[in-house]
Amino acid sequence: MTRRDEATGNEMRAESDDALALLTAEHRQIRALFQHYEDTAEHDLKRQIAADVFTALERHTVLEDTVLYAAFAVATDAEGELLLGEAFRTHQLCTTLMEELWELAPDDARFARRWHALRDQIE
């Protein structure tokens, strides 16, 4: 291995570490947003918090798909590919739930059911 290859490997590990740190921070942020939503009674504030959750989840999903899952796909076996498939299906379900939630008012009973389904998927 040349010095350049070693540097590239170190850079790739540093980028992976940075991506994992960012994903971990986003997990904490998203949990806090869900909790803030549950602690809030005002419907307009709930709508804003939900929008913040959607934005954070969309950003998080892109990072997982393009960095974490892409790297995992290269290094995995058949069992790992099944896990990746499940992760992508979960992302799709979450996307569908967010699209449905966006169309509903927070005081709508359907919103509450879908919100809890989204939270369950995320957790």
PDB file of N, CA and C in Angstrom:
ATOM      1  N   MET A   1       0.847  -1.180   0.000  1.00  0.00           N
ATOM      2  CA  MET A   1       0.000   0.000   0.000  1.00  0.00           C
ATOM      3  C   MET A   1       0.889   1.238   0.000  1.00  0.00           C
ATOM      4  N   THR A   2       0.584   2.208  -0.835  1.00  0.00           N
ATOM      5  CA  THR A   2       1.382   3.434  -0.902  1.00  0.00           C
ATOM      6  C   THR A   2       0.900   4.424   0.143  1.00  0.00           C
ATOM      7  N   ARG A   3       1.712   5.444   0.329  1.00  0.00           N
ATOM      8  CA  ARG A   3       1.336   6.506   1.253  1.00  0.00           C
ATOM      9  C   ARG A   3       0.012   7.138   0.833  1.00  0.00           C
ATOM     10  N   ARG A   4      -0.159   7.317  -0.438  1.00  0.00           N
ATOM     11  CA  ARG A   4      -1.391   7.925  -0.928  1.00  0.00           C
ATOM     12  C   ARG A   4      -2.606   7.042  -0.589  1.00  0.00           C
ATOM     13  N   ASP A   5      -2.462   5.727  -0.771  1.00  0.00           N
ATOM     14  CA  ASP A   5      -3.555   4.815  -0.424  1.00  0.00           C
ATOM     15  C   ASP A   5      -3.857   4.873   1.070  1.00  0.00           C
ATOM     16  N   GLU A   6      -2.806   4.947   1.877  1.00  0.00           N
ATOM     17  CA  GLU A   6      -3.009   5.038   3.323  1.00  0.00           C
ATOM     18  C   GLU A   6      -3.746   6.319   3.669  1.00  0.00           C
ATOM     19  N   ALA A   7      -3.360   7.412   3.063  1.00  0.00           N
ATOM     20  CA  ALA A   7      -4.034   8.684   3.324  1.00  0.00           C
ATOM     21  C   ALA A   7      -5.493   8.607   2.897  1.00  0.00           C
ATOM     22  N   THR A   8      -5.754   8.021   1.745  1.00  0.00           N
ATOM     23  CA  THR A   8      -7.127   7.894   1.271  1.00  0.00           C
ATOM     24  C   THR A   8      -7.935   7.033   2.223  1.00  0.00           C
ATOM     25  N   GLY A   9      -7.361   5.931   2.686  1.00  0.00           N
ATOM     26  CA  GLY A   9      -8.049   5.073   3.648  1.00  0.00           C
ATOM     27  C   GLY A   9      -8.365   5.811   4.934  1.00  0.00           C
ATOM     28  N   ASN A  10      -7.405   6.598   5.409  1.00  0.00           N
ATOM     29  CA  ASN A  10      -7.630   7.385   6.619  1.00  0.00           C
ATOM     30  C   ASN A  10      -8.701   8.440   6.390  1.00  0.00           C
ATOM     31  N   GLU A  11      -8.674   9.058   5.224  1.00  0.00           N
ATOM     32  CA  GLU A  11      -9.691  10.063   4.903  1.00  0.00           C
ATOM     33  C   GLU A  11     -11.074   9.417   4.847  1.00  0.00           C
ATOM     34  N   MET A  12     -11.146   8.221   4.257  1.00  0.00           N
ATOM     35  CA  MET A  12     -12.438   7.531   4.171  1.00  0.00           C
ATOM     36  C   MET A  12     -12.936   7.157   5.570  1.00  0.00           C
ATOM     37  N   ARG A  13     -12.042   6.711   6.441  1.00  0.00           N
ATOM     38  CA  ARG A  13     -12.448   6.393   7.813  1.00  0.00           C
ATOM     39  C   ARG A  13     -12.909   7.650   8.530  1.00  0.00           C
ATOM     40  N   ALA A  14     -12.207   8.761   8.323  1.00  0.00           N
ATOM     41  CA  ALA A  14     -12.595  10.016   8.963  1.00  0.00           C
ATOM     42  C   ALA A  14     -13.972  10.460   8.473  1.00  0.00           C
ATOM     43  N   GLU A  15     -14.210  10.328   7.159  1.00  0.00           N
ATOM     44  CA  GLU A  15     -15.524  10.685   6.610  1.00  0.00           C
ATOM     45  C   GLU A  15     -16.602   9.782   7.184  1.00  0.00           C
ATOM     46  N   SER A  16     -16.320   8.495   7.315  1.00  0.00           N
ATOM     47  CA  SER A  16     -17.278   7.561   7.899  1.00  0.00           C
ATOM     48  C   SER A  16     -17.565   7.917   9.350  1.00  0.00           C
ATOM     49  N   ASP A  17     -16.501   8.229  10.095  1.00  0.00           N
ATOM     50  CA  ASP A  17     -16.677   8.629  11.495  1.00  0.00           C
ATOM     51  C   ASP A  17     -17.516   9.887  11.587  1.00  0.00           C
ATOM     52  N   ASP A  18     -17.262  10.861  10.689  1.00  0.00           N
ATOM     53  CA  ASP A  18     -18.042  12.099  10.668  1.00  0.00           C
ATOM     54  C   ASP A  18     -19.501  11.813  10.349  1.00  0.00           C
ATOM     55  N   ALA A  19     -19.743  10.936   9.378  1.00  0.00           N
ATOM     56  CA  ALA A  19     -21.120  10.601   9.000  1.00  0.00           C
ATOM     57  C   ALA A  19     -21.831   9.909  10.157  1.00  0.00           C
ATOM     58  N   LEU A  20     -21.145   8.999  10.835  1.00  0.00           N
ATOM     59  CA  LEU A  20     -21.759   8.313  11.971  1.00  0.00           C
ATOM     60  C   LEU A  20     -22.042   9.280  13.116  1.00  0.00           C
ATOM     61  N   ALA A  21     -21.133  10.203  13.360  1.00  0.00           N
ATOM     62  CA  ALA A  21     -21.362  11.209  14.402  1.00  0.00           C
ATOM     63  C   ALA A  21     -22.572  12.074  14.043  1.00  0.00           C
ATOM     64  N   LEU A  22     -22.679  12.445  12.777  1.00  0.00           N
ATOM     65  CA  LEU A  22     -23.815  13.249  12.335  1.00  0.00           C
ATOM     66  C   LEU A  22     -25.116  12.460  12.458  1.00  0.00           C
ATOM     67  N   LEU A  23     -25.116  11.202  12.047  1.00  0.00           N
ATOM     68  CA  LEU A  23     -26.321  10.366  12.171  1.00  0.00           C
ATOM     69  C   LEU A  23     -26.737  10.221  13.632  1.00  0.00           C
ATOM     70  N   THR A  24     -25.777  10.024  14.511  1.00  0.00           N
ATOM     71  CA  THR A  24     -26.074   9.891  15.940  1.00  0.00           C
ATOM     72  C   THR A  24     -26.672  11.185  16.486  1.00  0.00           C
ATOM     73  N   ALA A  25     -26.094  12.317  16.107  1.00  0.00           N
ATOM     74  CA  ALA A  25     -26.631  13.615  16.548  1.00  0.00           C
ATOM     75  C   ALA A  25     -28.046  13.821  16.017  1.00  0.00           C
ATOM     76  N   GLU A  26     -28.274  13.418  14.770  1.00  0.00           N
ATOM     77  CA  GLU A  26     -29.611  13.555  14.204  1.00  0.00           C
ATOM     78  C   GLU A  26     -30.607  12.658  14.917  1.00  0.00           C
ATOM     79  N   HIS A  27     -30.190  11.458  15.331  1.00  0.00           N
ATOM     80  CA  HIS A  27     -31.077  10.579  16.104  1.00  0.00           C
ATOM     81  C   HIS A  27     -31.534  11.300  17.367  1.00  0.00           C
ATOM     82  N   ARG A  28     -30.596  11.926  18.068  1.00  0.00           N
ATOM     83  CA  ARG A  28     -30.949  12.658  19.296  1.00  0.00           C
ATOM     84  C   ARG A  28     -31.887  13.813  18.987  1.00  0.00           C
ATOM     85  N   GLN A  29     -31.613  14.558  17.922  1.00  0.00           N
ATOM     86  CA  GLN A  29     -32.442  15.697  17.552  1.00  0.00           C
ATOM     87  C   GLN A  29     -33.868  15.252  17.211  1.00  0.00           C
ATOM     88  N   ILE A  30     -33.988  14.190  16.455  1.00  0.00           N
ATOM     89  CA  ILE A  30     -35.305  13.706  16.037  1.00  0.00           C
ATOM     90  C   ILE A  30     -36.086  13.199  17.251  1.00  0.00           C
ATOM     91  N   ARG A  31     -35.430  12.476  18.151  1.00  0.00           N
ATOM     92  CA  ARG A  31     -36.104  12.032  19.386  1.00  0.00           C
ATOM     93  C   ARG A  31     -36.600  13.238  20.185  1.00  0.00           C
ATOM     94  N   ALA A  32     -35.763  14.263  20.279  1.00  0.00           N
ATOM     95  CA  ALA A  32     -36.145  15.464  21.025  1.00  0.00           C
ATOM     96  C   ALA A  32     -37.344  16.154  20.363  1.00  0.00           C
ATOM     97  N   LEU A  33     -37.356  16.207  19.033  1.00  0.00           N
ATOM     98  CA  LEU A  33     -38.492  16.812  18.330  1.00  0.00           C
ATOM     99  C   LEU A  33     -39.774  16.025  18.569  1.00  0.00           C
ATOM    100  N   PHE A  34     -39.698  14.697  18.508  1.00  0.00           N
ATOM    101  CA  PHE A  34     -40.879  13.887  18.801  1.00  0.00           C
ATOM    102  C   PHE A  34     -41.369  14.156  20.223  1.00  0.00           C
ATOM    103  N   GLN A  35     -40.456  14.240  21.174  1.00  0.00           N
ATOM    104  CA  GLN A  35     -40.839  14.508  22.564  1.00  0.00           C
ATOM    105  C   GLN A  35     -41.453  15.897  22.699  1.00  0.00           C
ATOM    106  N   HIS A  36     -40.856  16.877  22.035  1.00  0.00           N
ATOM    107  CA  HIS A  36     -41.381  18.246  22.068  1.00  0.00           C
ATOM    108  C   HIS A  36     -42.812  18.270  21.524  1.00  0.00           C
ATOM    109  N   TYR A  37     -43.048  17.528  20.463  1.00  0.00           N
ATOM    110  CA  TYR A  37     -44.389  17.425  19.884  1.00  0.00           C
ATOM    111  C   TYR A  37     -45.358  16.866  20.925  1.00  0.00           C
ATOM    112  N   GLU A  38     -44.968  15.787  21.587  1.00  0.00           N
ATOM    113  CA  GLU A  38     -45.847  15.158  22.583  1.00  0.00           C
ATOM    114  C   GLU A  38     -46.121  16.093  23.755  1.00  0.00           C
ATOM    115  N   ASP A  39     -45.167  16.953  24.097  1.00  0.00           N
ATOM    116  CA  ASP A  39     -45.306  17.854  25.236  1.00  0.00           C
ATOM    117  C   ASP A  39     -46.079  19.124  24.901  1.00  0.00           C
ATOM    118  N   THR A  40     -46.448  19.308  23.642  1.00  0.00           N
ATOM    119  CA  THR A  40     -47.083  20.539  23.181  1.00  0.00           C
ATOM    120  C   THR A  40     -48.572  20.320  22.964  1.00  0.00           C
ATOM    121  N   ALA A  41     -49.366  21.301  23.373  1.00  0.00           N
ATOM    122  CA  ALA A  41     -50.818  21.210  23.182  1.00  0.00           C
ATOM    123  C   ALA A  41     -51.304  22.068  22.024  1.00  0.00           C
ATOM    124  N   GLU A  42     -50.555  23.114  21.668  1.00  0.00           N
ATOM    125  CA  GLU A  42     -51.005  24.060  20.643  1.00  0.00           C
ATOM    126  C   GLU A  42     -50.860  23.455  19.238  1.00  0.00           C
ATOM    127  N   HIS A  43     -51.949  23.479  18.474  1.00  0.00           N
ATOM    128  CA  HIS A  43     -51.977  22.841  17.161  1.00  0.00           C
ATOM    129  C   HIS A  43     -51.022  23.489  16.151  1.00  0.00           C
ATOM    130  N   ASP A  44     -50.910  24.824  16.161  1.00  0.00           N
ATOM    131  CA  ASP A  44     -49.988  25.478  15.214  1.00  0.00           C
ATOM    132  C   ASP A  44     -48.540  25.110  15.522  1.00  0.00           C
ATOM    133  N   LEU A  45     -48.206  25.038  16.793  1.00  0.00           N
ATOM    134  CA  LEU A  45     -46.846  24.654  17.172  1.00  0.00           C
ATOM    135  C   LEU A  45     -46.595  23.183  16.822  1.00  0.00           C
ATOM    136  N   LYS A  46     -47.599  22.341  17.026  1.00  0.00           N
ATOM    137  CA  LYS A  46     -47.469  20.937  16.640  1.00  0.00           C
ATOM    138  C   LYS A  46     -47.192  20.821  15.142  1.00  0.00           C
ATOM    139  N   ARG A  47     -47.883  21.598  14.330  1.00  0.00           N
ATOM    140  CA  ARG A  47     -47.671  21.570  12.875  1.00  0.00           C
ATOM    141  C   ARG A  47     -46.234  21.959  12.551  1.00  0.00           C
ATOM    142  N   GLN A  48     -45.705  23.001  13.220  1.00  0.00           N
ATOM    143  CA  GLN A  48     -44.325  23.425  12.965  1.00  0.00           C
ATOM    144  C   GLN A  48     -43.326  22.353  13.407  1.00  0.00           C
ATOM    145  N   ILE A  49     -43.565  21.759  14.564  1.00  0.00           N
ATOM    146  CA  ILE A  49     -42.670  20.695  15.041  1.00  0.00           C
ATOM    147  C   ILE A  49     -42.711  19.518  14.077  1.00  0.00           C
ATOM    148  N   ALA A  50     -43.908  19.158  13.606  1.00  0.00           N
ATOM    149  CA  ALA A  50     -44.023  18.058  12.637  1.00  0.00           C
ATOM    150  C   ALA A  50     -43.225  18.382  11.380  1.00  0.00           C
ATOM    151  N   ALA A  51     -43.314  19.624  10.901  1.00  0.00           N
ATOM    152  CA  ALA A  51     -42.548  20.025   9.716  1.00  0.00           C
ATOM    153  C   ALA A  51     -41.046  19.907   9.985  1.00  0.00           C
ATOM    154  N   ASP A  52     -40.623  20.272  11.182  1.00  0.00           N
ATOM    155  CA  ASP A  52     -39.206  20.141  11.558  1.00  0.00           C
ATOM    156  C   ASP A  52     -38.783  18.664  11.586  1.00  0.00           C
ATOM    157  N   VAL A  53     -39.671  17.804  12.082  1.00  0.00           N
ATOM    158  CA  VAL A  53     -39.388  16.365  12.091  1.00  0.00           C
ATOM    159  C   VAL A  53     -39.230  15.867  10.660  1.00  0.00           C
ATOM    160  N   PHE A  54     -40.141  16.266   9.784  1.00  0.00           N
ATOM    161  CA  PHE A  54     -40.087  15.810   8.391  1.00  0.00           C
ATOM    162  C   PHE A  54     -38.783  16.235   7.729  1.00  0.00           C
ATOM    163  N   THR A  55     -38.384  17.482   7.952  1.00  0.00           N
ATOM    164  CA  THR A  55     -37.138  17.987   7.365  1.00  0.00           C
ATOM    165  C   THR A  55     -35.940  17.203   7.887  1.00  0.00           C
ATOM    166  N   ALA A  56     -35.907  16.987   9.194  1.00  0.00           N
ATOM    167  CA  ALA A  56     -34.795  16.243   9.792  1.00  0.00           C
ATOM    168  C   ALA A  56     -34.759  14.805   9.284  1.00  0.00           C
ATOM    169  N   LEU A  57     -35.932  14.175   9.167  1.00  0.00           N
ATOM    170  CA  LEU A  57     -35.979  12.794   8.686  1.00  0.00           C
ATOM    171  C   LEU A  57     -35.561  12.689   7.221  1.00  0.00           C
ATOM    172  N   GLU A  58     -35.971  13.649   6.407  1.00  0.00           N
ATOM    173  CA  GLU A  58     -35.570  13.625   4.998  1.00  0.00           C
ATOM    174  C   GLU A  58     -34.059  13.755   4.866  1.00  0.00           C
ATOM    175  N   ARG A  59     -33.472  14.672   5.606  1.00  0.00           N
ATOM    176  CA  ARG A  59     -32.012  14.866   5.574  1.00  0.00           C
ATOM    177  C   ARG A  59     -31.313  13.605   6.082  1.00  0.00           C
ATOM    178  N   HIS A  60     -31.837  13.041   7.158  1.00  0.00           N
ATOM    179  CA  HIS A  60     -31.259  11.848   7.763  1.00  0.00           C
ATOM    180  C   HIS A  60     -31.320  10.660   6.801  1.00  0.00           C
ATOM    181  N   THR A  61     -32.434  10.502   6.132  1.00  0.00           N
ATOM    182  CA  THR A  61     -32.611   9.395   5.194  1.00  0.00           C
ATOM    183  C   THR A  61     -31.620   9.498   4.039  1.00  0.00           C
ATOM    184  N   VAL A  62     -31.431  10.692   3.527  1.00  0.00           N
ATOM    185  CA  VAL A  62     -30.472  10.875   2.431  1.00  0.00           C
ATOM    186  C   VAL A  62     -29.071  10.481   2.895  1.00  0.00           C
ATOM    187  N   LEU A  63     -28.689  10.906   4.078  1.00  0.00           N
ATOM    188  CA  LEU A  63     -27.358  10.565   4.591  1.00  0.00           C
ATOM    189  C   LEU A  63     -27.219   9.058   4.801  1.00  0.00           C
ATOM    190  N   GLU A  64     -28.235   8.438   5.386  1.00  0.00           N
ATOM    191  CA  GLU A  64     -28.169   6.985   5.577  1.00  0.00           C
ATOM    192  C   GLU A  64     -28.064   6.265   4.234  1.00  0.00           C
ATOM    193  N   ASP A  65     -28.917   6.660   3.297  1.00  0.00           N
ATOM    194  CA  ASP A  65     -28.939   5.973   2.001  1.00  0.00           C
ATOM    195  C   ASP A  65     -27.640   6.145   1.223  1.00  0.00           C
ATOM    196  N   THR A  66     -27.109   7.351   1.204  1.00  0.00           N
ATOM    197  CA  THR A  66     -25.959   7.632   0.347  1.00  0.00           C
ATOM    198  C   THR A  66     -24.614   7.309   0.982  1.00  0.00           C
ATOM    199  N   VAL A  67     -24.541   7.282   2.298  1.00  0.00           N
ATOM    200  CA  VAL A  67     -23.257   7.021   2.956  1.00  0.00           C
ATOM    201  C   VAL A  67     -23.279   5.669   3.675  1.00  0.00           C
ATOM    202  N   LEU A  68     -24.113   5.559   4.672  1.00  0.00           N
ATOM    203  CA  LEU A  68     -24.099   4.358   5.512  1.00  0.00           C
ATOM    204  C   LEU A  68     -24.524   3.112   4.742  1.00  0.00           C
ATOM    205  N   TYR A  69     -25.690   3.145   4.129  1.00  0.00           N
ATOM    206  CA  TYR A  69     -26.189   1.960   3.437  1.00  0.00           C
ATOM    207  C   TYR A  69     -25.360   1.638   2.199  1.00  0.00           C
ATOM    208  N   ALA A  70     -24.873   2.671   1.526  1.00  0.00           N
ATOM    209  CA  ALA A  70     -24.031   2.423   0.349  1.00  0.00           C
ATOM    210  C   ALA A  70     -22.754   1.683   0.752  1.00  0.00           C
ATOM    211  N   ALA A  71     -22.130   2.103   1.840  1.00  0.00           N
ATOM    212  CA  ALA A  71     -20.916   1.434   2.316  1.00  0.00           C
ATOM    213  C   ALA A  71     -21.243   0.023   2.804  1.00  0.00           C
ATOM    214  N   PHE A  72     -22.344  -0.114   3.483  1.00  0.00           N
ATOM    215  CA  PHE A  72     -22.751  -1.426   3.985  1.00  0.00           C
ATOM    216  C   PHE A  72     -23.020  -2.390   2.831  1.00  0.00           C
ATOM    217  N   ALA A  73     -23.653  -1.888   1.776  1.00  0.00           N
ATOM    218  CA  ALA A  73     -23.984  -2.737   0.620  1.00  0.00           C
ATOM    219  C   ALA A  73     -22.730  -3.318  -0.015  1.00  0.00           C
ATOM    220  N   VAL A  74     -21.662  -2.546  -0.041  1.00  0.00           N
ATOM    221  CA  VAL A  74     -20.408  -3.010  -0.638  1.00  0.00           C
ATOM    222  C   VAL A  74     -19.776  -4.113   0.214  1.00  0.00           C
ATOM    223  N   ALA A  75     -19.937  -4.024   1.526  1.00  0.00           N
ATOM    224  CA  ALA A  75     -19.219  -4.926   2.427  1.00  0.00           C
ATOM    225  C   ALA A  75     -20.061  -6.074   2.984  1.00  0.00           C
ATOM    226  N   THR A  76     -21.281  -6.215   2.535  1.00  0.00           N
ATOM    227  CA  THR A  76     -22.173  -7.172   3.181  1.00  0.00           C
ATOM    228  C   THR A  76     -22.349  -8.469   2.392  1.00  0.00           C
ATOM    229  N   ASP A  77     -23.031  -9.401   3.032  1.00  0.00           N
ATOM    230  CA  ASP A  77     -23.358 -10.681   2.414  1.00  0.00           C
ATOM    231  C   ASP A  77     -24.875 -10.710   2.133  1.00  0.00           C
ATOM    232  N   ALA A  78     -25.398 -11.889   1.830  1.00  0.00           N
ATOM    233  CA  ALA A  78     -26.814 -12.016   1.496  1.00  0.00           C
ATOM    234  C   ALA A  78     -27.708 -11.623   2.677  1.00  0.00           C
ATOM    235  N   GLU A  79     -27.320 -11.998   3.875  1.00  0.00           N
ATOM    236  CA  GLU A  79     -28.111 -11.631   5.051  1.00  0.00           C
ATOM    237  C   GLU A  79     -28.136 -10.112   5.237  1.00  0.00           C
ATOM    238  N   GLY A  80     -26.998  -9.489   5.009  1.00  0.00           N
ATOM    239  CA  GLY A  80     -26.923  -8.034   5.091  1.00  0.00           C
ATOM    240  C   GLY A  80     -27.778  -7.354   4.045  1.00  0.00           C
ATOM    241  N   GLU A  81     -27.838  -7.948   2.875  1.00  0.00           N
ATOM    242  CA  GLU A  81     -28.687  -7.379   1.818  1.00  0.00           C
ATOM    243  C   GLU A  81     -30.155  -7.429   2.216  1.00  0.00           C
ATOM    244  N   LEU A  82     -30.551  -8.474   2.940  1.00  0.00           N
ATOM    245  CA  LEU A  82     -31.926  -8.534   3.445  1.00  0.00           C
ATOM    246  C   LEU A  82     -32.188  -7.393   4.430  1.00  0.00           C
ATOM    247  N   LEU A  83     -31.203  -7.118   5.280  1.00  0.00           N
ATOM    248  CA  LEU A  83     -31.325  -6.007   6.228  1.00  0.00           C
ATOM    249  C   LEU A  83     -31.435  -4.675   5.496  1.00  0.00           C
ATOM    250  N   LEU A  84     -30.634  -4.510   4.455  1.00  0.00           N
ATOM    251  CA  LEU A  84     -30.708  -3.281   3.661  1.00  0.00           C
ATOM    252  C   LEU A  84     -32.084  -3.130   3.016  1.00  0.00           C
ATOM    253  N   GLY A  85     -32.605  -4.224   2.481  1.00  0.00           N
ATOM    254  CA  GLY A  85     -33.932  -4.179   1.884  1.00  0.00           C
ATOM    255  C   GLY A  85     -34.980  -3.744   2.884  1.00  0.00           C
ATOM    256  N   GLU A  86     -34.880  -4.267   4.095  1.00  0.00           N
ATOM    257  CA  GLU A  86     -35.813  -3.887   5.155  1.00  0.00           C
ATOM    258  C   GLU A  86     -35.659  -2.410   5.511  1.00  0.00           C
ATOM    259  N   ALA A  87     -34.427  -1.934   5.572  1.00  0.00           N
ATOM    260  CA  ALA A  87     -34.184  -0.519   5.872  1.00  0.00           C
ATOM    261  C   ALA A  87     -34.785   0.376   4.795  1.00  0.00           C
ATOM    262  N   PHE A  88     -34.612   0.004   3.536  1.00  0.00           N
ATOM    263  CA  PHE A  88     -35.183   0.808   2.456  1.00  0.00           C
ATOM    264  C   PHE A  88     -36.705   0.776   2.488  1.00  0.00           C
ATOM    265  N   ARG A  89     -37.293  -0.372   2.829  1.00  0.00           N
ATOM    266  CA  ARG A  89     -38.759  -0.454   2.946  1.00  0.00           C
ATOM    267  C   ARG A  89     -39.247   0.433   4.088  1.00  0.00           C
ATOM    268  N   THR A  90     -38.513   0.444   5.184  1.00  0.00           N
ATOM    269  CA  THR A  90     -38.870   1.316   6.312  1.00  0.00           C
ATOM    270  C   THR A  90     -38.797   2.772   5.904  1.00  0.00           C
ATOM    271  N   HIS A  91     -37.757   3.141   5.166  1.00  0.00           N
ATOM    272  CA  HIS A  91     -37.649   4.521   4.681  1.00  0.00           C
ATOM    273  C   HIS A  91     -38.835   4.878   3.794  1.00  0.00           C
ATOM    274  N   GLN A  92     -39.225   3.958   2.925  1.00  0.00           N
ATOM    275  CA  GLN A  92     -40.354   4.226   2.040  1.00  0.00           C
ATOM    276  C   GLN A  92     -41.645   4.383   2.843  1.00  0.00           C
ATOM    277  N   LEU A  93     -41.852   3.540   3.835  1.00  0.00           N
ATOM    278  CA  LEU A  93     -43.037   3.651   4.679  1.00  0.00           C
ATOM    279  C   LEU A  93     -43.047   4.999   5.398  1.00  0.00           C
ATOM    280  N   CYS A  94     -41.912   5.395   5.926  1.00  0.00           N
ATOM    281  CA  CYS A  94     -41.823   6.685   6.615  1.00  0.00           C
ATOM    282  C   CYS A  94     -42.113   7.844   5.660  1.00  0.00           C
ATOM    283  N   THR A  95     -41.605   7.757   4.452  1.00  0.00           N
ATOM    284  CA  THR A  95     -41.874   8.792   3.449  1.00  0.00           C
ATOM    285  C   THR A  95     -43.364   8.868   3.156  1.00  0.00           C
ATOM    286  N   THR A  96     -44.002   7.727   2.998  1.00  0.00           N
ATOM    287  CA  THR A  96     -45.440   7.689   2.736  1.00  0.00           C
ATOM    288  C   THR A  96     -46.219   8.284   3.911  1.00  0.00           C
ATOM    289  N   LEU A  97     -45.850   7.908   5.130  1.00  0.00           N
ATOM    290  CA  LEU A  97     -46.521   8.454   6.312  1.00  0.00           C
ATOM    291  C   LEU A  97     -46.356   9.969   6.390  1.00  0.00           C
ATOM    292  N   MET A  98     -45.146  10.468   6.099  1.00  0.00           N
ATOM    293  CA  MET A  98     -44.932  11.916   6.134  1.00  0.00           C
ATOM    294  C   MET A  98     -45.781  12.622   5.087  1.00  0.00           C
ATOM    295  N   GLU A  99     -45.882  12.060   3.898  1.00  0.00           N
ATOM    296  CA  GLU A  99     -46.712  12.662   2.856  1.00  0.00           C
ATOM    297  C   GLU A  99     -48.170  12.714   3.299  1.00  0.00           C
ATOM    298  N   GLU A 100     -48.651  11.654   3.916  1.00  0.00           N
ATOM    299  CA  GLU A 100     -50.030  11.630   4.411  1.00  0.00           C
ATOM    300  C   GLU A 100     -50.214  12.629   5.548  1.00  0.00           C
ATOM    301  N   LEU A 101     -49.264  12.694   6.459  1.00  0.00           N
ATOM    302  CA  LEU A 101     -49.352  13.612   7.588  1.00  0.00           C
ATOM    303  C   LEU A 101     -49.387  15.065   7.133  1.00  0.00           C
ATOM    304  N   TRP A 102     -48.631  15.371   6.112  1.00  0.00           N
ATOM    305  CA  TRP A 102     -48.551  16.744   5.622  1.00  0.00           C
ATOM    306  C   TRP A 102     -49.927  17.250   5.171  1.00  0.00           C
ATOM    307  N   GLU A 103     -50.775  16.346   4.735  1.00  0.00           N
ATOM    308  CA  GLU A 103     -52.105  16.700   4.235  1.00  0.00           C
ATOM    309  C   GLU A 103     -53.153  16.808   5.343  1.00  0.00           C
ATOM    310  N   LEU A 104     -52.825  16.389   6.563  1.00  0.00           N
ATOM    311  CA  LEU A 104     -53.788  16.360   7.658  1.00  0.00           C
ATOM    312  C   LEU A 104     -53.481  17.433   8.695  1.00  0.00           C
ATOM    313  N   ALA A 105     -54.517  17.878   9.392  1.00  0.00           N
ATOM    314  CA  ALA A 105     -54.347  18.817  10.503  1.00  0.00           C
ATOM    315  C   ALA A 105     -53.965  18.035  11.756  1.00  0.00           C
ATOM    316  N   PRO A 106     -53.118  18.601  12.615  1.00  0.00           N
ATOM    317  CA  PRO A 106     -52.705  17.888  13.829  1.00  0.00           C
ATOM    318  C   PRO A 106     -53.868  17.487  14.739  1.00  0.00           C
ATOM    319  N   ASP A 107     -55.004  18.168  14.636  1.00  0.00           N
ATOM    320  CA  ASP A 107     -56.135  17.801  15.496  1.00  0.00           C
ATOM    321  C   ASP A 107     -57.011  16.712  14.865  1.00  0.00           C
ATOM    322  N   ASP A 108     -56.669  16.252  13.678  1.00  0.00           N
ATOM    323  CA  ASP A 108     -57.379  15.167  13.002  1.00  0.00           C
ATOM    324  C   ASP A 108     -56.953  13.833  13.626  1.00  0.00           C
ATOM    325  N   ALA A 109     -57.913  12.977  13.946  1.00  0.00           N
ATOM    326  CA  ALA A 109     -57.601  11.684  14.571  1.00  0.00           C
ATOM    327  C   ALA A 109     -56.693  10.844  13.686  1.00  0.00           C
ATOM    328  N   ARG A 110     -56.830  10.967  12.373  1.00  0.00           N
ATOM    329  CA  ARG A 110     -55.963  10.209  11.468  1.00  0.00           C
ATOM    330  C   ARG A 110     -54.517  10.672  11.604  1.00  0.00           C
ATOM    331  N   PHE A 111     -54.326  11.967  11.862  1.00  0.00           N
ATOM    332  CA  PHE A 111     -52.978  12.493  12.055  1.00  0.00           C
ATOM    333  C   PHE A 111     -52.321  11.788  13.238  1.00  0.00           C
ATOM    334  N   ALA A 112     -53.044  11.698  14.343  1.00  0.00           N
ATOM    335  CA  ALA A 112     -52.479  11.073  15.552  1.00  0.00           C
ATOM    336  C   ALA A 112     -52.072   9.629  15.278  1.00  0.00           C
ATOM    337  N   ARG A 113     -52.921   8.877  14.586  1.00  0.00           N
ATOM    338  CA  ARG A 113     -52.585   7.473  14.299  1.00  0.00           C
ATOM    339  C   ARG A 113     -51.352   7.370  13.413  1.00  0.00           C
ATOM    340  N   ARG A 114     -51.282   8.193  12.381  1.00  0.00           N
ATOM    341  CA  ARG A 114     -50.134   8.145  11.475  1.00  0.00           C
ATOM    342  C   ARG A 114     -48.865   8.682  12.153  1.00  0.00           C
ATOM    343  N   TRP A 115     -49.029   9.710  12.970  1.00  0.00           N
ATOM    344  CA  TRP A 115     -47.888  10.266  13.703  1.00  0.00           C
ATOM    345  C   TRP A 115     -47.255   9.193  14.589  1.00  0.00           C
ATOM    346  N   HIS A 116     -48.109   8.463  15.307  1.00  0.00           N
ATOM    347  CA  HIS A 116     -47.588   7.416  16.185  1.00  0.00           C
ATOM    348  C   HIS A 116     -46.981   6.271  15.378  1.00  0.00           C
ATOM    349  N   ALA A 117     -47.568   5.973  14.235  1.00  0.00           N
ATOM    350  CA  ALA A 117     -46.979   4.944  13.355  1.00  0.00           C
ATOM    351  C   ALA A 117     -45.597   5.391  12.868  1.00  0.00           C
ATOM    352  N   LEU A 118     -45.471   6.670  12.504  1.00  0.00           N
ATOM    353  CA  LEU A 118     -44.169   7.205  12.081  1.00  0.00           C
ATOM    354  C   LEU A 118     -43.164   7.115  13.214  1.00  0.00           C
ATOM    355  N   ARG A 119     -43.571   7.562  14.388  1.00  0.00           N
ATOM    356  CA  ARG A 119     -42.667   7.521  15.535  1.00  0.00           C
ATOM    357  C   ARG A 119     -42.231   6.087  15.825  1.00  0.00           C
ATOM    358  N   ASP A 120     -43.155   5.145  15.766  1.00  0.00           N
ATOM    359  CA  ASP A 120     -42.819   3.737  15.989  1.00  0.00           C
ATOM    360  C   ASP A 120     -41.791   3.243  14.964  1.00  0.00           C
ATOM    361  N   GLN A 121     -41.959   3.605  13.715  1.00  0.00           N
ATOM    362  CA  GLN A 121     -41.019   3.202  12.672  1.00  0.00           C
ATOM    363  C   GLN A 121     -39.636   3.798  12.921  1.00  0.00           C
ATOM    364  N   ILE A 122     -39.603   5.041  13.336  1.00  0.00           N
ATOM    365  CA  ILE A 122     -38.332   5.718  13.572  1.00  0.00           C
ATOM    366  C   ILE A 122     -37.624   5.109  14.779  1.00  0.00           C
ATOM    367  N   GLU A 123     -38.371   4.842  15.818  1.00  0.00           N
ATOM    368  CA  GLU A 123     -37.751   4.255  17.017  1.00  0.00           C
ATOM    369  C   GLU A 123     -37.286   2.841  16.734  1.00  0.00           C
TER     370      GLU A 123
END
